[in-house]
Amino acid sequence: MLPTLNLTGDVILAEHLSHRFGKIGLGDVVLVRSPRDPKRMVTKRILGLEGDRLTFSADPLVGDASVSVLVPKGHVWIQGDNLYASTDSRHFGPIPYSLIEGKALLRVWPPEYFGSLR
């Protein structure tokens, strides 16, 4: 999630209810159980909700062919803010809502970066 969040040292305040009531939206930073390793939690930004069609570069470093995806019902499309070094929905596809564990509200540490994640 660089540059929004650092890999180590950042502490965020998250809540664990709104995603259960469908109160997540585009641009929200969410805590997600990794689809590749269920023991691991990742933090990503929601870029697509069910029914959305997204088009992205298959390889952002090369800028070759584009890929279009329709986010299925009950799923979201997540991506990290570091386009070139993020393992996200571009690699494992849309993720089910059930993998979302929480919604990040704000960064509380370090103090010089205290504030919103949007």
Protein backbone atom coordinates (compact mmCIF):
# COMPACT_ATOMS: atom_id res chain seq x y z
CA MET A 1 0.00 0.00 0.00
CA LEU A 2 2.95 2.32 -0.46
CA PRO A 3 2.85 5.30 -0.52
CA THR A 4 -0.35 5.43 1.58
CA LEU A 5 0.87 2.94 4.20
CA ASN A 6 4.41 1.84 5.02
CA LEU A 7 5.24 -1.85 5.15
CA THR A 8 6.37 -1.62 8.77
CA GLY A 9 5.63 0.79 11.56
CA ASP A 10 2.27 2.21 10.49
CA VAL A 11 -0.61 1.59 12.86
CA ILE A 12 -4.14 2.03 11.57
CA LEU A 13 -7.51 2.22 13.29
CA ALA A 14 -9.99 -0.15 11.68
CA GLU A 15 -13.59 -1.08 12.34
CA HIS A 16 -15.13 -4.47 11.72
CA LEU A 17 -18.85 -3.82 11.20
CA SER A 18 -19.56 -1.70 8.11
CA HIS A 19 -18.48 -4.36 5.61
CA ARG A 20 -21.02 -6.75 7.16
CA PHE A 21 -23.80 -4.29 6.32
CA GLY A 22 -22.59 -3.44 2.82
CA LYS A 23 -21.25 -0.06 3.90
CA ILE A 24 -18.03 -0.17 1.92
CA GLY A 25 -17.42 1.76 -1.25
CA LEU A 26 -14.99 2.70 -3.94
CA GLY A 27 -11.74 4.06 -2.54
CA ASP A 28 -12.13 2.49 0.91
CA VAL A 29 -9.03 0.83 2.35
CA VAL A 30 -9.96 -2.61 3.67
CA LEU A 31 -8.28 -5.39 5.63
CA VAL A 32 -8.64 -8.61 3.66
CA ARG A 33 -7.82 -12.22 4.43
CA SER A 34 -5.35 -13.15 1.69
CA PRO A 35 -6.92 -15.46 -0.92
CA ARG A 36 -3.50 -17.09 -1.38
CA ASP A 37 -2.58 -17.51 2.30
CA PRO A 38 -5.57 -17.47 4.71
CA LYS A 39 -3.22 -16.96 7.70
CA ARG A 40 -2.15 -13.61 6.28
CA MET A 41 -4.00 -10.28 6.33
CA VAL A 42 -3.45 -7.70 3.57
CA THR A 43 -4.53 -4.08 3.27
CA LYS A 44 -5.83 -2.95 -0.13
CA ARG A 45 -8.07 -0.30 -1.69
CA ILE A 46 -11.46 -1.16 -3.22
CA LEU A 47 -11.50 -0.15 -6.89
CA GLY A 48 -14.56 -2.07 -8.05
CA LEU A 49 -17.86 -3.29 -6.63
CA GLU A 50 -20.14 -6.02 -7.93
CA GLY A 51 -21.36 -5.23 -11.42
CA ASP A 52 -18.48 -2.85 -12.20
CA ARG A 53 -16.40 -3.38 -15.33
CA LEU A 54 -12.70 -2.58 -14.92
CA THR A 55 -9.99 -2.35 -17.54
CA PHE A 56 -6.34 -2.50 -16.55
CA SER A 57 -2.94 -3.14 -18.10
CA ALA A 58 -1.90 -6.78 -17.87
CA ASP A 59 1.68 -5.65 -17.17
CA PRO A 60 2.02 -2.00 -16.04
CA LEU A 61 5.80 -2.07 -16.56
CA VAL A 62 5.42 -2.90 -20.25
CA GLY A 63 2.05 -1.26 -20.86
CA ASP A 64 0.98 -4.02 -23.22
CA ALA A 65 -2.52 -5.41 -23.77
CA SER A 66 -5.42 -4.36 -21.58
CA VAL A 67 -7.66 -6.77 -19.71
CA SER A 68 -11.34 -6.15 -18.94
CA VAL A 69 -13.06 -7.77 -15.98
CA LEU A 70 -16.66 -7.73 -14.75
CA VAL A 71 -16.83 -7.95 -10.95
CA PRO A 72 -19.32 -10.73 -10.12
CA LYS A 73 -22.10 -10.51 -7.55
CA GLY A 74 -20.85 -10.80 -3.98
CA HIS A 75 -17.29 -9.79 -4.89
CA VAL A 76 -15.06 -6.69 -4.91
CA TRP A 77 -11.97 -5.73 -6.87
CA ILE A 78 -9.03 -4.70 -4.67
CA GLN A 79 -5.68 -3.18 -5.60
CA GLY A 80 -2.70 -1.85 -3.72
CA ASP A 81 -1.65 1.76 -4.19
CA ASN A 82 1.79 0.68 -5.44
CA LEU A 83 0.76 -0.35 -8.94
CA TYR A 84 4.13 -1.89 -9.83
CA ALA A 85 4.70 -4.02 -6.73
CA SER A 86 1.29 -5.06 -5.43
CA THR A 87 -0.20 -8.55 -5.42
CA ASP A 88 -3.92 -7.93 -5.69
CA SER A 89 -7.02 -8.66 -7.77
CA ARG A 90 -4.98 -8.24 -10.94
CA HIS A 91 -3.26 -11.49 -9.90
CA PHE A 92 -6.01 -13.48 -8.14
CA GLY A 93 -9.20 -11.89 -9.51
CA PRO A 94 -12.19 -10.44 -7.66
CA ILE A 95 -12.44 -11.47 -4.01
CA PRO A 96 -15.61 -12.46 -2.17
CA TYR A 97 -17.03 -10.09 0.44
CA SER A 98 -16.49 -12.87 3.00
CA LEU A 99 -12.71 -12.29 2.89
CA ILE A 100 -13.08 -8.66 4.01
CA GLU A 101 -12.27 -8.43 7.73
CA GLY A 102 -12.49 -4.70 8.31
CA LYS A 103 -12.36 -1.16 6.99
CA ALA A 104 -9.42 1.11 7.79
CA LEU A 105 -10.49 4.47 9.21
CA LEU A 106 -7.26 6.37 9.81
CA ARG A 107 -3.56 6.04 10.47
CA VAL A 108 -2.74 6.67 14.13
CA TRP A 109 1.02 6.08 14.03
CA PRO A 110 3.49 7.56 13.19
CA PRO A 111 2.11 10.92 14.38
CA GLU A 112 3.52 12.98 11.49
CA TYR A 113 1.23 11.03 9.14
CA PHE A 114 -1.81 11.05 11.41
CA GLY A 115 -4.94 11.33 9.30
CA SER A 116 -7.32 9.91 6.77
CA LEU A 117 -6.44 7.15 4.33
CA ARG A 118 -8.31 8.70 1.41
